[in-house]
C-alpha atoms as a PDB file:
ATOM      1  CA  MET A   1      22.644  -0.264 103.404  1.00  0.00           C
ATOM      2  CA  SER A   2      24.160   0.893  99.955  1.00  0.00           C
ATOM      3  CA  GLU A   3      26.659  -1.407  98.375  1.00  0.00           C
ATOM      4  CA  GLU A   4      29.988   0.029  97.750  1.00  0.00           C
ATOM      5  CA  THR A   5      31.840  -0.232  94.735  1.00  0.00           C
ATOM      6  CA  THR A   6      34.972  -2.074  94.326  1.00  0.00           C
ATOM      7  CA  ALA A   7      37.814  -2.138  91.918  1.00  0.00           C
ATOM      8  CA  ARG A   8      40.133  -4.724  91.438  1.00  0.00           C
ATOM      9  CA  PRO A   9      44.190  -3.786  91.520  1.00  0.00           C
ATOM     10  CA  GLY A  10      43.775  -3.985  86.891  1.00  0.00           C
ATOM     11  CA  GLY A  11      41.234  -1.528  87.082  1.00  0.00           C
ATOM     12  CA  ALA A  12      37.859  -3.744  86.087  1.00  0.00           C
ATOM     13  CA  PRO A  13      35.156  -3.596  88.279  1.00  0.00           C
ATOM     14  CA  GLU A  14      34.913  -6.654  90.594  1.00  0.00           C
ATOM     15  CA  GLU A  15      31.274  -8.908  89.899  1.00  0.00           C
ATOM     16  CA  GLY A  16      28.129  -7.423  91.318  1.00  0.00           C
ATOM     17  CA  ALA A  17      29.384  -3.910  91.089  1.00  0.00           C
ATOM     18  CA  ALA A  18      27.583  -1.501  89.093  1.00  0.00           C
ATOM     19  CA  ALA A  19      29.128  -0.197  85.699  1.00  0.00           C
ATOM     20  CA  ARG A  20      30.889   3.433  85.409  1.00  0.00           C
ATOM     21  CA  ARG A  21      29.382   5.899  83.355  1.00  0.00           C
ATOM     22  CA  PRO A  22      31.647   6.862  80.418  1.00  0.00           C
ATOM     23  CA  ARG A  23      32.840  10.200  80.898  1.00  0.00           C
ATOM     24  CA  ARG A  24      31.286  13.110  78.298  1.00  0.00           C
ATOM     25  CA  PRO A  25      33.854  14.978  76.756  1.00  0.00           C
ATOM     26  CA  TRP A  26      34.215  18.582  77.619  1.00  0.00           C
ATOM     27  CA  THR A  27      31.914  21.482  75.608  1.00  0.00           C
ATOM     28  CA  PRO A  28      31.480  24.884  76.160  1.00  0.00           C
ATOM     29  CA  GLY A  29      28.398  25.809  77.232  1.00  0.00           C
ATOM     30  CA  ARG A  30      28.177  28.602  74.665  1.00  0.00           C
ATOM     31  CA  ALA A  31      28.846  28.549  70.789  1.00  0.00           C
ATOM     32  CA  VAL A  32      31.876  30.309  69.861  1.00  0.00           C
ATOM     33  CA  VAL A  33      30.911  32.989  68.240  1.00  0.00           C
ATOM     34  CA  PRO A  34      33.092  34.925  65.716  1.00  0.00           C
ATOM     35  CA  GLU A  35      34.002  38.330  66.693  1.00  0.00           C
ATOM     36  CA  LYS A  36      32.448  40.992  63.976  1.00  0.00           C
ATOM     37  CA  ALA A  37      35.397  42.866  61.686  1.00  0.00           C
ATOM     38  CA  PHE A  38      32.707  45.883  61.620  1.00  0.00           C
ATOM     39  CA  ARG A  39      29.661  46.822  64.124  1.00  0.00           C
ATOM     40  CA  PHE A  40      27.617  48.492  61.418  1.00  0.00           C
ATOM     41  CA  SER A  41      24.759  47.114  59.649  1.00  0.00           C
ATOM     42  CA  PRO A  42      24.772  46.534  55.922  1.00  0.00           C
ATOM     43  CA  ARG A  43      22.278  49.015  55.025  1.00  0.00           C
ATOM     44  CA  THR A  44      24.012  51.776  57.531  1.00  0.00           C
ATOM     45  CA  LEU A  45      27.440  51.092  55.500  1.00  0.00           C
ATOM     46  CA  GLY A  46      25.059  51.313  52.268  1.00  0.00           C
ATOM     47  CA  VAL A  47      23.793  54.913  53.547  1.00  0.00           C
ATOM     48  CA  ALA A  48      27.130  56.317  54.134  1.00  0.00           C
ATOM     49  CA  ILE A  49      28.704  54.986  50.968  1.00  0.00           C
ATOM     50  CA  GLY A  50      25.427  55.828  48.523  1.00  0.00           C
ATOM     51  CA  LEU A  51      26.036  59.716  50.076  1.00  0.00           C
ATOM     52  CA  PHE A  52      29.528  59.740  49.166  1.00  0.00           C
ATOM     53  CA  ALA A  53      29.209  58.356  45.810  1.00  0.00           C
ATOM     54  CA  VAL A  54      26.552  61.216  45.543  1.00  0.00           C
ATOM     55  CA  GLY A  55      28.528  63.543  46.080  1.00  0.00           C
ATOM     56  CA  TYR A  56      31.441  61.845  43.701  1.00  0.00           C
ATOM     57  CA  LEU A  57      29.560  62.015  41.229  1.00  0.00           C
ATOM     58  CA  VAL A  58      28.097  65.328  41.890  1.00  0.00           C
ATOM     59  CA  LEU A  59      31.619  66.547  41.549  1.00  0.00           C
ATOM     60  CA  ALA A  60      32.727  64.471  38.665  1.00  0.00           C
ATOM     61  CA  PHE A  61      29.863  66.075  36.785  1.00  0.00           C
ATOM     62  CA  GLN A  62      31.470  69.768  37.054  1.00  0.00           C
ATOM     63  CA  MET A  63      34.752  68.611  35.337  1.00  0.00           C
ATOM     64  CA  PRO A  64      35.004  70.085  32.572  1.00  0.00           C
ATOM     65  CA  ASP A  65      35.954  68.467  29.040  1.00  0.00           C
ATOM     66  CA  TYR A  66      38.444  68.984  26.564  1.00  0.00           C
ATOM     67  CA  THR A  67      36.940  70.895  23.056  1.00  0.00           C
ATOM     68  CA  ALA A  68      40.020  71.951  21.712  1.00  0.00           C
ATOM     69  CA  VAL A  69      41.165  68.761  20.569  1.00  0.00           C
ATOM     70  CA  SER A  70      39.349  65.159  19.998  1.00  0.00           C
ATOM     71  CA  VAL A  71      40.150  62.674  22.790  1.00  0.00           C
ATOM     72  CA  PRO A  72      38.414  59.652  23.157  1.00  0.00           C
ATOM     73  CA  VAL A  73      38.620  59.958  26.913  1.00  0.00           C
ATOM     74  CA  GLN A  74      37.719  63.048  28.539  1.00  0.00           C
ATOM     75  CA  PRO A  75      38.709  63.998  31.915  1.00  0.00           C
ATOM     76  CA  SER A  76      35.241  62.841  33.847  1.00  0.00           C
ATOM     77  CA  THR A  77      34.869  59.759  32.179  1.00  0.00           C
ATOM     78  CA  LEU A  78      36.403  57.378  34.437  1.00  0.00           C
ATOM     79  CA  PRO A  79      35.068  59.220  37.873  1.00  0.00           C
ATOM     80  CA  LEU A  80      31.926  59.076  36.835  1.00  0.00           C
ATOM     81  CA  TRP A  81      32.160  55.222  35.810  1.00  0.00           C
ATOM     82  CA  LEU A  82      33.659  54.647  39.449  1.00  0.00           C
ATOM     83  CA  GLY A  83      30.753  57.217  40.963  1.00  0.00           C
ATOM     84  CA  ALA A  84      28.070  55.062  39.060  1.00  0.00           C
ATOM     85  CA  VAL A  85      30.288  51.303  40.696  1.00  0.00           C
ATOM     86  CA  LEU A  86      30.248  53.091  44.017  1.00  0.00           C
ATOM     87  CA  LEU A  87      26.353  53.800  43.934  1.00  0.00           C
ATOM     88  CA  LEU A  88      25.409  50.496  42.300  1.00  0.00           C
ATOM     89  CA  LEU A  89      27.591  48.486  45.360  1.00  0.00           C
ATOM     90  CA  ALA A  90      25.771  51.250  48.042  1.00  0.00           C
ATOM     91  CA  VAL A  91      22.282  50.082  46.368  1.00  0.00           C
ATOM     92  CA  LEU A  92      23.297  45.816  46.820  1.00  0.00           C
ATOM     93  CA  LEU A  93      24.502  46.924  50.556  1.00  0.00           C
ATOM     94  CA  LEU A  94      20.733  48.362  51.207  1.00  0.00           C
ATOM     95  CA  PHE A  95      19.061  45.180  50.139  1.00  0.00           C
ATOM     96  CA  GLN A  96      21.460  42.892  52.489  1.00  0.00           C
ATOM     97  CA  ARG A  97      20.213  41.023  55.536  1.00  0.00           C
ATOM     98  CA  ALA A  98      23.022  41.246  58.495  1.00  0.00           C
ATOM     99  CA  PRO A  99      24.620  38.342  58.852  1.00  0.00           C
ATOM    100  CA  ALA A 100      22.622  36.170  61.922  1.00  0.00           C
ATOM    101  CA  GLU A 101      24.115  35.473  65.133  1.00  0.00           C
ATOM    102  CA  ALA A 102      24.339  32.050  66.163  1.00  0.00           C
ATOM    103  CA  PRO A 103      22.381  31.424  68.904  1.00  0.00           C
ATOM    104  CA  ALA A 104      23.334  30.047  72.318  1.00  0.00           C
ATOM    105  CA  ALA A 105      23.919  26.538  73.129  1.00  0.00           C
ATOM    106  CA  ASP A 106      21.863  25.293  75.964  1.00  0.00           C
ATOM    107  CA  THR A 107      24.292  22.687  78.302  1.00  0.00           C
ATOM    108  CA  ALA A 108      22.768  19.509  78.834  1.00  0.00           C
ATOM    109  CA  SER A 109      21.084  18.297  81.566  1.00  0.00           C
ATOM    110  CA  GLU A 110      21.780  15.155  83.479  1.00  0.00           C
ATOM    111  CA  ALA A 111      17.936  14.817  83.923  1.00  0.00           C
ATOM    112  CA  ASP A 112      18.096  14.230  79.874  1.00  0.00           C
ATOM    113  CA  GLY A 113      19.220  10.446  80.481  1.00  0.00           C
ATOM    114  CA  PRO A 114      21.783   8.333  78.564  1.00  0.00           C
ATOM    115  CA  ALA A 115      20.873   9.851  75.314  1.00  0.00           C
ATOM    116  CA  ALA A 116      22.612  13.385  76.278  1.00  0.00           C
ATOM    117  CA  ASP A 117      25.835  11.395  77.507  1.00  0.00           C
ATOM    118  CA  THR A 118      26.155   9.475  74.201  1.00  0.00           C
ATOM    119  CA  VAL A 119      28.694  10.938  72.050  1.00  0.00           C
ATOM    120  CA  SER A 120      29.912  10.065  68.906  1.00  0.00           C
ATOM    121  CA  GLU A 121      33.378   9.894  67.988  1.00  0.00           C
ATOM    122  CA  ALA A 122      32.839  11.238  64.145  1.00  0.00           C
ATOM    123  CA  ASP A 123      30.841  14.512  65.708  1.00  0.00           C
ATOM    124  CA  GLY A 124      33.897  16.104  67.480  1.00  0.00           C
ATOM    125  CA  PRO A 125      36.142  16.568  64.757  1.00  0.00           C
ATOM    126  CA  ALA A 126      32.888  17.677  62.455  1.00  0.00           C
ATOM    127  CA  ALA A 127      32.059  19.933  64.836  1.00  0.00           C
ATOM    128  CA  SER A 128      35.839  21.349  65.721  1.00  0.00           C
ATOM    129  CA  GLY A 129      36.021  21.728  61.806  1.00  0.00           C
ATOM    130  CA  ALA A 130      32.720  23.755  61.997  1.00  0.00           C
ATOM    131  CA  ALA A 131      33.896  26.146  64.495  1.00  0.00           C
ATOM    132  CA  ASP A 132      37.466  26.699  62.897  1.00  0.00           C
ATOM    133  CA  GLY A 133      36.047  27.158  59.662  1.00  0.00           C
ATOM    134  CA  ALA A 134      33.365  29.813  61.170  1.00  0.00           C
ATOM    135  CA  GLY A 135      36.429  31.655  62.608  1.00  0.00           C
ATOM    136  CA  ALA A 136      39.112  31.698  59.704  1.00  0.00           C
ATOM    137  CA  ARG A 137      39.454  35.434  58.379  1.00  0.00           C
ATOM    138  CA  LEU A 138      42.428  37.176  55.837  1.00  0.00           C
ATOM    139  CA  GLY A 139      44.769  39.084  57.253  1.00  0.00           C
ATOM    140  CA  ARG A 140      47.193  38.740  60.068  1.00  0.00           C
ATOM    141  CA  LEU A 141      46.100  41.169  63.077  1.00  0.00           C
ATOM    142  CA  GLU A 142      43.430  40.390  65.598  1.00  0.00           C
ATOM    143  CA  ASP A 143      42.514  44.176  65.918  1.00  0.00           C
ATOM    144  CA  PRO A 144      40.236  44.519  62.417  1.00  0.00           C
ATOM    145  CA  ARG A 145      40.614  48.094  63.146  1.00  0.00           C
ATOM    146  CA  TRP A 146      44.526  47.404  63.217  1.00  0.00           C
ATOM    147  CA  GLU A 147      43.599  45.061  59.819  1.00  0.00           C
ATOM    148  CA  THR A 148      41.818  48.039  58.031  1.00  0.00           C
ATOM    149  CA  GLY A 149      44.201  50.972  58.890  1.00  0.00           C
ATOM    150  CA  LEU A 150      46.768  48.306  57.531  1.00  0.00           C
ATOM    151  CA  PHE A 151      45.048  48.593  54.025  1.00  0.00           C
ATOM    152  CA  VAL A 152      44.609  52.264  53.610  1.00  0.00           C
ATOM    153  CA  GLY A 153      47.795  52.866  54.905  1.00  0.00           C
ATOM    154  CA  ALA A 154      49.275  50.368  51.690  1.00  0.00           C
ATOM    155  CA  LEU A 155      46.759  52.510  49.437  1.00  0.00           C
ATOM    156  CA  CYS A 156      47.860  55.984  50.552  1.00  0.00           C
ATOM    157  CA  LEU A 157      51.629  54.298  50.256  1.00  0.00           C
ATOM    158  CA  TYR A 158      50.878  53.418  46.549  1.00  0.00           C
ATOM    159  CA  VAL A 159      49.328  56.545  45.756  1.00  0.00           C
ATOM    160  CA  ALA A 160      52.858  58.126  46.735  1.00  0.00           C
ATOM    161  CA  VAL A 161      54.985  55.877  44.485  1.00  0.00           C
ATOM    162  CA  PHE A 162      52.537  56.357  41.663  1.00  0.00           C
ATOM    163  CA  GLU A 163      54.328  59.158  39.977  1.00  0.00           C
ATOM    164  CA  PRO A 164      58.088  58.233  40.519  1.00  0.00           C
ATOM    165  CA  LEU A 165      57.942  54.575  40.171  1.00  0.00           C
ATOM    166  CA  GLY A 166      55.241  55.053  37.072  1.00  0.00           C
ATOM    167  CA  PHE A 167      51.418  52.697  36.628  1.00  0.00           C
ATOM    168  CA  VAL A 168      53.210  49.045  36.014  1.00  0.00           C
ATOM    169  CA  LEU A 169      55.520  49.195  38.760  1.00  0.00           C
ATOM    170  CA  SER A 170      53.823  50.895  41.338  1.00  0.00           C
ATOM    171  CA  THR A 171      50.561  48.490  41.203  1.00  0.00           C
ATOM    172  CA  ALA A 172      52.719  45.241  40.437  1.00  0.00           C
ATOM    173  CA  LEU A 173      54.178  46.443  43.753  1.00  0.00           C
ATOM    174  CA  TYR A 174      50.968  46.960  45.520  1.00  0.00           C
ATOM    175  CA  LEU A 175      49.057  43.714  43.860  1.00  0.00           C
ATOM    176  CA  GLY A 176      52.125  41.475  44.760  1.00  0.00           C
ATOM    177  CA  SER A 177      52.511  42.582  48.559  1.00  0.00           C
ATOM    178  CA  MET A 178      48.619  42.777  49.268  1.00  0.00           C
ATOM    179  CA  THR A 179      47.898  39.194  47.533  1.00  0.00           C
ATOM    180  CA  TRP A 180      51.426  37.656  49.739  1.00  0.00           C
ATOM    181  CA  TYR A 181      50.013  39.752  52.639  1.00  0.00           C
ATOM    182  CA  LEU A 182      46.621  38.276  52.770  1.00  0.00           C
ATOM    183  CA  GLY A 183      48.026  34.368  52.600  1.00  0.00           C
ATOM    184  CA  TYR A 184      48.090  33.316  48.842  1.00  0.00           C
ATOM    185  CA  ARG A 185      51.262  31.015  49.040  1.00  0.00           C
ATOM    186  CA  ARG A 186      51.317  30.610  45.224  1.00  0.00           C
ATOM    187  CA  HIS A 187      53.916  32.955  44.272  1.00  0.00           C
ATOM    188  CA  LEU A 188      54.755  32.340  41.176  1.00  0.00           C
ATOM    189  CA  VAL A 189      50.873  32.811  39.812  1.00  0.00           C
ATOM    190  CA  THR A 190      50.732  36.041  42.487  1.00  0.00           C
ATOM    191  CA  ALA A 191      54.287  37.208  40.664  1.00  0.00           C
ATOM    192  CA  ALA A 192      52.608  36.499  37.033  1.00  0.00           C
ATOM    193  CA  VAL A 193      49.000  38.512  37.509  1.00  0.00           C
ATOM    194  CA  ALA A 194      51.036  41.365  39.362  1.00  0.00           C
ATOM    195  CA  LEU A 195      53.156  42.415  36.366  1.00  0.00           C
ATOM    196  CA  VAL A 196      50.360  41.119  33.639  1.00  0.00           C
ATOM    197  CA  LEU A 197      47.501  42.767  35.043  1.00  0.00           C
ATOM    198  CA  PRO A 198      49.191  46.141  35.293  1.00  0.00           C
ATOM    199  CA  PHE A 199      50.828  46.156  31.181  1.00  0.00           C
ATOM    200  CA  ALA A 200      47.644  45.036  30.112  1.00  0.00           C
ATOM    201  CA  LEU A 201      45.857  48.425  31.666  1.00  0.00           C
ATOM    202  CA  TYR A 202      48.668  50.170  30.999  1.00  0.00           C
ATOM    203  CA  ALA A 203      49.017  48.947  27.219  1.00  0.00           C
ATOM    204  CA  GLY A 204      44.737  49.376  26.879  1.00  0.00           C
ATOM    205  CA  MET A 205      44.856  52.817  28.446  1.00  0.00           C
ATOM    206  CA  THR A 206      47.934  54.605  26.714  1.00  0.00           C
ATOM    207  CA  TRP A 207      48.311  52.889  23.549  1.00  0.00           C
ATOM    208  CA  GLY A 208      44.459  51.855  22.927  1.00  0.00           C
ATOM    209  CA  LEU A 209      42.702  55.004  24.580  1.00  0.00           C
ATOM    210  CA  GLY A 210      45.550  57.585  24.082  1.00  0.00           C
ATOM    211  CA  VAL A 211      45.402  58.266  28.023  1.00  0.00           C
ATOM    212  CA  SER A 212      49.041  59.194  29.522  1.00  0.00           C
ATOM    213  CA  LEU A 213      49.696  57.161  32.119  1.00  0.00           C
ATOM    214  CA  PRO A 214      53.142  57.796  34.234  1.00  0.00           C
ATOM    215  CA  SER A 215      55.715  55.258  32.941  1.00  0.00           C
ATOM    216  CA  GLY A 216      58.307  56.023  35.791  1.00  0.00           C
ATOM    217  CA  PRO A 217      62.001  54.667  34.781  1.00  0.00           C
ATOM    218  CA  LEU A 218      60.746  52.393  32.517  1.00  0.00           C
ATOM    219  CA  PRO A 219      61.520  53.358  28.706  1.00  0.00           C
ATOM    220  CA  PHE A 220      57.978  53.288  27.477  1.00  0.00           C
END
């Protein structure tokens, strides 16, 4: 006849009673894998971007050059550089491997013995921190498709206000708003970079290379 385990009123087991096994903390049966932002492999994206870059370069080479006056920068100079950089990025994507998915964690059975029940308290926060770091991403929306659409819409708005506001103001507003949206909280640094960088580009293109950029309401 088996002995029954009885406990004292204070919660401690009586003499001769078997010690209770400590409860194991609950852990998910499978590793938490962060949601993929894109369902395409890097090679597929590389092929698509490469085809677009080749078509862009073909159109850029067909742009006529100025022959009546001597200018340091031709109309096709910037499109050719952009097409070359885009083609280089497409080649790099072709050699990039797809990120490996985290393997599913096997559930521990009770047949493993007391070793499977021993869980140190130091492993808990470390494991949770690793899981939180794996799921961290930029942006504020849950659906990556809406996130991508928001960035494309912001870029279209930047192009729309490029002429009336000018290069410096429109670029400063775009850089500052996108940096704030992505979560960078040092607002003084953001404002300084958003104002200094467009002005430096404007000065280099307009006064250094002689390329006319829209100034908008600014007096220069």
